Structures are given as C-alpha cells and as structure tokens.
PDB file of N, CA and C in Angstrom:
ATOM      1  N   MET A   1      -9.039   1.374 -21.587  1.00  0.00           N
ATOM      2  CA  MET A   1      -9.357   0.669 -20.363  1.00  0.00           C
ATOM      3  C   MET A   1      -8.648  -0.682 -20.308  1.00  0.00           C
ATOM      4  N   VAL A   2      -8.449  -1.335 -21.448  1.00  0.00           N
ATOM      5  CA  VAL A   2      -7.774  -2.632 -21.479  1.00  0.00           C
ATOM      6  C   VAL A   2      -6.333  -2.487 -21.011  1.00  0.00           C
ATOM      7  N   ILE A   3      -5.660  -1.417 -21.425  1.00  0.00           N
ATOM      8  CA  ILE A   3      -4.274  -1.182 -21.011  1.00  0.00           C
ATOM      9  C   ILE A   3      -4.219  -0.948 -19.501  1.00  0.00           C
ATOM     10  N   LYS A   4      -5.147  -0.170 -18.965  1.00  0.00           N
ATOM     11  CA  LYS A   4      -5.166   0.097 -17.527  1.00  0.00           C
ATOM     12  C   LYS A   4      -5.354  -1.199 -16.743  1.00  0.00           C
ATOM     13  N   LYS A   5      -6.247  -2.081 -17.197  1.00  0.00           N
ATOM     14  CA  LYS A   5      -6.458  -3.351 -16.509  1.00  0.00           C
ATOM     15  C   LYS A   5      -5.194  -4.200 -16.542  1.00  0.00           C
ATOM     16  N   ALA A   6      -4.496  -4.198 -17.677  1.00  0.00           N
ATOM     17  CA  ALA A   6      -3.258  -4.971 -17.790  1.00  0.00           C
ATOM     18  C   ALA A   6      -2.186  -4.417 -16.863  1.00  0.00           C
ATOM     19  N   LEU A   7      -2.117  -3.105 -16.734  1.00  0.00           N
ATOM     20  CA  LEU A   7      -1.124  -2.484 -15.860  1.00  0.00           C
ATOM     21  C   LEU A   7      -1.433  -2.706 -14.388  1.00  0.00           C
ATOM     22  N   MET A   8      -2.684  -2.951 -14.067  1.00  0.00           N
ATOM     23  CA  MET A   8      -3.096  -3.123 -12.677  1.00  0.00           C
ATOM     24  C   MET A   8      -3.289  -4.591 -12.311  1.00  0.00           C
ATOM     25  N   ALA A   9      -2.651  -5.485 -13.057  1.00  0.00           N
ATOM     26  CA  ALA A   9      -2.778  -6.918 -12.792  1.00  0.00           C
ATOM     27  C   ALA A   9      -1.394  -7.538 -12.655  1.00  0.00           C
ATOM     28  N   PRO A  10      -1.258  -8.534 -11.804  1.00  0.00           N
ATOM     29  CA  PRO A  10       0.033  -9.205 -11.682  1.00  0.00           C
ATOM     30  C   PRO A  10       0.350 -10.009 -12.931  1.00  0.00           C
ATOM     31  N   ALA A  11       1.621 -10.279 -13.119  1.00  0.00           N
ATOM     32  CA  ALA A  11       2.056 -11.084 -14.259  1.00  0.00           C
ATOM     33  C   ALA A  11       1.690 -12.545 -14.018  1.00  0.00           C
ATOM     34  N   THR A  12       1.593 -13.311 -15.100  1.00  0.00           N
ATOM     35  CA  THR A  12       1.323 -14.738 -15.017  1.00  0.00           C
ATOM     36  C   THR A  12       2.521 -15.493 -15.559  1.00  0.00           C
ATOM     37  N   PHE A  13       2.963 -16.502 -14.830  1.00  0.00           N
ATOM     38  CA  PHE A  13       4.089 -17.321 -15.262  1.00  0.00           C
ATOM     39  C   PHE A  13       3.642 -18.311 -16.327  1.00  0.00           C
ATOM     40  N   GLU A  14       4.612 -18.922 -17.025  1.00  0.00           N
ATOM     41  CA  GLU A  14       4.298 -19.877 -18.088  1.00  0.00           C
ATOM     42  C   GLU A  14       3.481 -21.061 -17.585  1.00  0.00           C
ATOM     43  N   ASP A  15       3.666 -21.450 -16.319  1.00  0.00           N
ATOM     44  CA  ASP A  15       2.915 -22.581 -15.778  1.00  0.00           C
ATOM     45  C   ASP A  15       1.501 -22.198 -15.327  1.00  0.00           C
ATOM     46  N   GLY A  16       1.130 -20.919 -15.501  1.00  0.00           N
ATOM     47  CA  GLY A  16      -0.208 -20.446 -15.150  1.00  0.00           C
ATOM     48  C   GLY A  16      -0.328 -19.851 -13.761  1.00  0.00           C
ATOM     49  N   SER A  17       0.706 -19.997 -12.939  1.00  0.00           N
ATOM     50  CA  SER A  17       0.650 -19.408 -11.601  1.00  0.00           C
ATOM     51  C   SER A  17       0.828 -17.896 -11.681  1.00  0.00           C
ATOM     52  N   VAL A  18       0.341 -17.218 -10.675  1.00  0.00           N
ATOM     53  CA  VAL A  18       0.327 -15.757 -10.674  1.00  0.00           C
ATOM     54  C   VAL A  18       1.512 -15.226  -9.870  1.00  0.00           C
ATOM     55  N   SER A  19       2.185 -14.260 -10.432  1.00  0.00           N
ATOM     56  CA  SER A  19       3.312 -13.601  -9.772  1.00  0.00           C
ATOM     57  C   SER A  19       2.795 -12.551  -8.794  1.00  0.00           C
ATOM     58  N   PRO A  20       3.526 -12.291  -7.704  1.00  0.00           N
ATOM     59  CA  PRO A  20       3.124 -11.204  -6.815  1.00  0.00           C
ATOM     60  C   PRO A  20       3.550  -9.841  -7.352  1.00  0.00           C
ATOM     61  N   TYR A  21       4.130  -9.800  -8.548  1.00  0.00           N
ATOM     62  CA  TYR A  21       4.698  -8.571  -9.092  1.00  0.00           C
ATOM     63  C   TYR A  21       4.340  -8.437 -10.564  1.00  0.00           C
ATOM     64  N   GLY A  22       4.126  -7.213 -11.013  1.00  0.00           N
ATOM     65  CA  GLY A  22       3.884  -6.976 -12.429  1.00  0.00           C
ATOM     66  C   GLY A  22       3.907  -5.500 -12.759  1.00  0.00           C
ATOM     67  N   PHE A  23       4.622  -5.127 -13.805  1.00  0.00           N
ATOM     68  CA  PHE A  23       4.692  -3.747 -14.301  1.00  0.00           C
ATOM     69  C   PHE A  23       5.009  -2.719 -13.218  1.00  0.00           C
ATOM     70  N   GLY A  24       5.933  -3.067 -12.321  1.00  0.00           N
ATOM     71  CA  GLY A  24       6.370  -2.114 -11.303  1.00  0.00           C
ATOM     72  C   GLY A  24       5.582  -2.120 -10.014  1.00  0.00           C
ATOM     73  N   TRP A  25       4.548  -2.935  -9.924  1.00  0.00           N
ATOM     74  CA  TRP A  25       3.693  -2.991  -8.734  1.00  0.00           C
ATOM     75  C   TRP A  25       3.758  -4.369  -8.104  1.00  0.00           C
ATOM     76  N   TYR A  26       3.634  -4.411  -6.787  1.00  0.00           N
ATOM     77  CA  TYR A  26       3.449  -5.664  -6.066  1.00  0.00           C
ATOM     78  C   TYR A  26       1.957  -5.807  -5.795  1.00  0.00           C
ATOM     79  N   PHE A  27       1.472  -7.052  -5.819  1.00  0.00           N
ATOM     80  CA  PHE A  27       0.046  -7.324  -5.628  1.00  0.00           C
ATOM     81  C   PHE A  27      -0.135  -8.337  -4.520  1.00  0.00           C
ATOM     82  N   GLN A  28      -1.128  -8.115  -3.693  1.00  0.00           N
ATOM     83  CA  GLN A  28      -1.485  -9.085  -2.674  1.00  0.00           C
ATOM     84  C   GLN A  28      -2.906  -8.818  -2.210  1.00  0.00           C
ATOM     85  N   GLU A  29      -3.471  -9.785  -1.498  1.00  0.00           N
ATOM     86  CA  GLU A  29      -4.788  -9.604  -0.903  1.00  0.00           C
ATOM     87  C   GLU A  29      -4.639  -9.550   0.597  1.00  0.00           C
ATOM     88  N   TYR A  30      -5.420  -8.685   1.224  1.00  0.00           N
ATOM     89  CA  TYR A  30      -5.425  -8.548   2.668  1.00  0.00           C
ATOM     90  C   TYR A  30      -6.864  -8.345   3.113  1.00  0.00           C
ATOM     91  N   ASN A  31      -7.351  -9.218   3.958  1.00  0.00           N
ATOM     92  CA  ASN A  31      -8.744  -9.166   4.427  1.00  0.00           C
ATOM     93  C   ASN A  31      -9.734  -9.064   3.267  1.00  0.00           C
ATOM     94  N   GLY A  32      -9.471  -9.791   2.196  1.00  0.00           N
ATOM     95  CA  GLY A  32     -10.360  -9.806   1.040  1.00  0.00           C
ATOM     96  C   GLY A  32     -10.230  -8.614   0.106  1.00  0.00           C
ATOM     97  N   GLU A  33      -9.296  -7.720   0.380  1.00  0.00           N
ATOM     98  CA  GLU A  33      -9.081  -6.530  -0.461  1.00  0.00           C
ATOM     99  C   GLU A  33      -7.835  -6.715  -1.317  1.00  0.00           C
ATOM    100  N   LYS A  34      -7.924  -6.383  -2.588  1.00  0.00           N
ATOM    101  CA  LYS A  34      -6.765  -6.402  -3.467  1.00  0.00           C
ATOM    102  C   LYS A  34      -5.929  -5.156  -3.168  1.00  0.00           C
ATOM    103  N   LEU A  35      -4.647  -5.356  -2.915  1.00  0.00           N
ATOM    104  CA  LEU A  35      -3.726  -4.249  -2.660  1.00  0.00           C
ATOM    105  C   LEU A  35      -2.675  -4.192  -3.752  1.00  0.00           C
ATOM    106  N   MET A  36      -2.316  -2.990  -4.138  1.00  0.00           N
ATOM    107  CA  MET A  36      -1.222  -2.735  -5.085  1.00  0.00           C
ATOM    108  C   MET A  36      -0.262  -1.806  -4.366  1.00  0.00           C
ATOM    109  N   TRP A  37       1.021  -2.126  -4.400  1.00  0.00           N
ATOM    110  CA  TRP A  37       1.950  -1.242  -3.725  1.00  0.00           C
ATOM    111  C   TRP A  37       3.296  -1.227  -4.419  1.00  0.00           C
ATOM    112  N   HIS A  38       3.998  -0.156  -4.172  1.00  0.00           N
ATOM    113  CA  HIS A  38       5.348   0.016  -4.701  1.00  0.00           C
ATOM    114  C   HIS A  38       6.116   0.858  -3.697  1.00  0.00           C
ATOM    115  N   SER A  39       7.362   0.501  -3.506  1.00  0.00           N
ATOM    116  CA  SER A  39       8.189   1.299  -2.609  1.00  0.00           C
ATOM    117  C   SER A  39       9.565   1.481  -3.230  1.00  0.00           C
ATOM    118  N   GLY A  40      10.278   2.422  -2.705  1.00  0.00           N
ATOM    119  CA  GLY A  40      11.611   2.670  -3.209  1.00  0.00           C
ATOM    120  C   GLY A  40      12.448   3.379  -2.165  1.00  0.00           C
ATOM    121  N   TRP A  41      13.760   3.355  -2.420  1.00  0.00           N
ATOM    122  CA  TRP A  41      14.652   3.989  -1.455  1.00  0.00           C
ATOM    123  C   TRP A  41      15.973   4.276  -2.126  1.00  0.00           C
ATOM    124  N   ASP A  42      16.641   5.251  -1.618  1.00  0.00           N
ATOM    125  CA  ASP A  42      17.970   5.619  -2.097  1.00  0.00           C
ATOM    126  C   ASP A  42      18.905   5.584  -0.895  1.00  0.00           C
ATOM    127  N   PRO A  43      19.766   4.569  -0.809  1.00  0.00           N
ATOM    128  CA  PRO A  43      20.622   4.439   0.369  1.00  0.00           C
ATOM    129  C   PRO A  43      21.629   5.579   0.505  1.00  0.00           C
ATOM    130  N   ASP A  44      22.032   6.170  -0.600  1.00  0.00           N
ATOM    131  CA  ASP A  44      23.003   7.264  -0.539  1.00  0.00           C
ATOM    132  C   ASP A  44      22.367   8.572  -0.088  1.00  0.00           C
ATOM    133  N   ALA A  45      21.110   8.777  -0.457  1.00  0.00           N
ATOM    134  CA  ALA A  45      20.429  10.020  -0.093  1.00  0.00           C
ATOM    135  C   ALA A  45      19.693   9.897   1.245  1.00  0.00           C
ATOM    136  N   GLY A  46      19.407   8.669   1.680  1.00  0.00           N
ATOM    137  CA  GLY A  46      18.758   8.466   2.969  1.00  0.00           C
ATOM    138  C   GLY A  46      17.275   8.760   2.990  1.00  0.00           C
ATOM    139  N   TYR A  47      16.566   8.447   1.913  1.00  0.00           N
ATOM    140  CA  TYR A  47      15.108   8.614   1.933  1.00  0.00           C
ATOM    141  C   TYR A  47      14.437   7.378   1.351  1.00  0.00           C
ATOM    142  N   SER A  48      13.144   7.221   1.644  1.00  0.00           N
ATOM    143  CA  SER A  48      12.368   6.103   1.123  1.00  0.00           C
ATOM    144  C   SER A  48      10.919   6.544   0.940  1.00  0.00           C
ATOM    145  N   ALA A  49      10.153   5.704   0.247  1.00  0.00           N
ATOM    146  CA  ALA A  49       8.760   6.042  -0.032  1.00  0.00           C
ATOM    147  C   ALA A  49       7.930   4.773  -0.185  1.00  0.00           C
ATOM    148  N   LEU A  50       6.648   4.898   0.056  1.00  0.00           N
ATOM    149  CA  LEU A  50       5.703   3.804  -0.130  1.00  0.00           C
ATOM    150  C   LEU A  50       4.436   4.370  -0.737  1.00  0.00           C
ATOM    151  N   MET A  51       3.934   3.689  -1.762  1.00  0.00           N
ATOM    152  CA  MET A  51       2.647   4.043  -2.359  1.00  0.00           C
ATOM    153  C   MET A  51       1.783   2.795  -2.316  1.00  0.00           C
ATOM    154  N   LEU A  52       0.651   2.884  -1.642  1.00  0.00           N
ATOM    155  CA  LEU A  52      -0.271   1.767  -1.487  1.00  0.00           C
ATOM    156  C   LEU A  52      -1.608   2.149  -2.092  1.00  0.00           C
ATOM    157  N   ARG A  53      -2.141   1.258  -2.945  1.00  0.00           N
ATOM    158  CA  ARG A  53      -3.445   1.516  -3.563  1.00  0.00           C
ATOM    159  C   ARG A  53      -4.416   0.406  -3.197  1.00  0.00           C
ATOM    160  N   VAL A  54      -5.667   0.789  -2.972  1.00  0.00           N
ATOM    161  CA  VAL A  54      -6.774  -0.142  -2.776  1.00  0.00           C
ATOM    162  C   VAL A  54      -7.769   0.197  -3.887  1.00  0.00           C
ATOM    163  N   PRO A  55      -7.597  -0.414  -5.076  1.00  0.00           N
ATOM    164  CA  PRO A  55      -8.387  -0.020  -6.253  1.00  0.00           C
ATOM    165  C   PRO A  55      -9.903  -0.083  -6.053  1.00  0.00           C
ATOM    166  N   LYS A  56     -10.394  -1.114  -5.385  1.00  0.00           N
ATOM    167  CA  LYS A  56     -11.845  -1.270  -5.207  1.00  0.00           C
ATOM    168  C   LYS A  56     -12.452  -0.085  -4.465  1.00  0.00           C
ATOM    169  N   ARG A  57     -11.708   0.482  -3.548  1.00  0.00           N
ATOM    170  CA  ARG A  57     -12.188   1.612  -2.748  1.00  0.00           C
ATOM    171  C   ARG A  57     -11.715   2.963  -3.289  1.00  0.00           C
ATOM    172  N   GLN A  58     -10.954   2.946  -4.376  1.00  0.00           N
ATOM    173  CA  GLN A  58     -10.390   4.152  -4.986  1.00  0.00           C
ATOM    174  C   GLN A  58      -9.579   4.948  -3.965  1.00  0.00           C
ATOM    175  N   LEU A  59      -8.759   4.223  -3.169  1.00  0.00           N
ATOM    176  CA  LEU A  59      -7.917   4.843  -2.161  1.00  0.00           C
ATOM    177  C   LEU A  59      -6.451   4.723  -2.556  1.00  0.00           C
ATOM    178  N   THR A  60      -5.702   5.766  -2.305  1.00  0.00           N
ATOM    179  CA  THR A  60      -4.263   5.766  -2.504  1.00  0.00           C
ATOM    180  C   THR A  60      -3.615   6.395  -1.284  1.00  0.00           C
ATOM    181  N   PHE A  61      -2.593   5.726  -0.771  1.00  0.00           N
ATOM    182  CA  PHE A  61      -1.878   6.175   0.413  1.00  0.00           C
ATOM    183  C   PHE A  61      -0.409   6.325   0.033  1.00  0.00           C
ATOM    184  N   ILE A  62       0.144   7.521   0.202  1.00  0.00           N
ATOM    185  CA  ILE A  62       1.533   7.793  -0.145  1.00  0.00           C
ATOM    186  C   ILE A  62       2.254   8.277   1.106  1.00  0.00           C
ATOM    187  N   VAL A  63       3.392   7.641   1.396  1.00  0.00           N
ATOM    188  CA  VAL A  63       4.205   8.042   2.537  1.00  0.00           C
ATOM    189  C   VAL A  63       5.622   8.301   2.040  1.00  0.00           C
ATOM    190  N   LEU A  64       6.160   9.451   2.402  1.00  0.00           N
ATOM    191  CA  LEU A  64       7.541   9.816   2.074  1.00  0.00           C
ATOM    192  C   LEU A  64       8.305   9.950   3.388  1.00  0.00           C
ATOM    193  N   ALA A  65       9.531   9.455   3.419  1.00  0.00           N
ATOM    194  CA  ALA A  65      10.295   9.499   4.666  1.00  0.00           C
ATOM    195  C   ALA A  65      11.724   9.987   4.417  1.00  0.00           C
ATOM    196  N   ASN A  66      12.261  10.670   5.398  1.00  0.00           N
ATOM    197  CA  ASN A  66      13.654  11.115   5.370  1.00  0.00           C
ATOM    198  C   ASN A  66      14.543  10.083   6.054  1.00  0.00           C
ATOM    199  N   SER A  67      14.243   8.812   5.815  1.00  0.00           N
ATOM    200  CA  SER A  67      15.031   7.713   6.359  1.00  0.00           C
ATOM    201  C   SER A  67      14.833   6.499   5.450  1.00  0.00           C
ATOM    202  N   GLU A  68      15.479   5.400   5.771  1.00  0.00           N
ATOM    203  CA  GLU A  68      15.298   4.171   4.995  1.00  0.00           C
ATOM    204  C   GLU A  68      14.182   3.307   5.566  1.00  0.00           C
ATOM    205  N   GLY A  69      13.407   3.821   6.494  1.00  0.00           N
ATOM    206  CA  GLY A  69      12.393   3.054   7.201  1.00  0.00           C
ATOM    207  C   GLY A  69      11.276   2.462   6.363  1.00  0.00           C
ATOM    208  N   LEU A  70      10.985   3.032   5.199  1.00  0.00           N
ATOM    209  CA  LEU A  70       9.889   2.537   4.376  1.00  0.00           C
ATOM    210  C   LEU A  70      10.351   1.559   3.299  1.00  0.00           C
ATOM    211  N   TRP A  71      11.609   1.339   3.220  1.00  0.00           N
ATOM    212  CA  TRP A  71      12.139   0.418   2.213  1.00  0.00           C
ATOM    213  C   TRP A  71      11.607  -0.993   2.461  1.00  0.00           C
ATOM    214  N   TRP A  72      11.268  -1.751   1.405  1.00  0.00           N
ATOM    215  CA  TRP A  72      10.633  -3.065   1.551  1.00  0.00           C
ATOM    216  C   TRP A  72      11.497  -4.040   2.345  1.00  0.00           C
ATOM    217  N   GLY A  73      12.799  -3.836   2.422  1.00  0.00           N
ATOM    218  CA  GLY A  73      13.653  -4.697   3.223  1.00  0.00           C
ATOM    219  C   GLY A  73      13.457  -4.508   4.718  1.00  0.00           C
ATOM    220  N   ASN A  74      12.808  -3.436   5.106  1.00  0.00           N
ATOM    221  CA  ASN A  74      12.547  -3.174   6.519  1.00  0.00           C
ATOM    222  C   ASN A  74      11.174  -3.632   6.899  1.00  0.00           C
TER     223      ASN A  74
END
C-alpha cells in the first residue's frame, strides 16, 4: 500500500513545493476533487489518448481517439 500511495502522489521539489507531475501522472484539484491524468499521442500514427482518474470516487475515464485531439497540447 505504501508503494501505491507513492505512485499516486505528485513529486516534491527540494524547496518543499509540490510538482504537478510525478511517476507518469499529472495531478491537480478541481472543485475540491483530486484528479490524476495522463495523455499521449503519436503524431506519425495520428492517434491520441487520455486517462483521467478520480481516486476518491474510484472512477477512471479512458478516451481513445483516431486524431491528435486529445493530446495535452490541444
């Protein structure tokens, strides 16, 4: 369980501030809910994906696309 908690937490910088990123996941709060998300895309193949987790509610949302529309730059 300790490893899982570490994997589901953002990294901490040397000055003590919290990074929005850690172990492959981005972290943020929205309306008081902790969100974990990761996205990816392949510009040569023309597809993208988004995985969003709301750990407190045990919800996971996965979207796959045949375009670059889900890439974090969009």
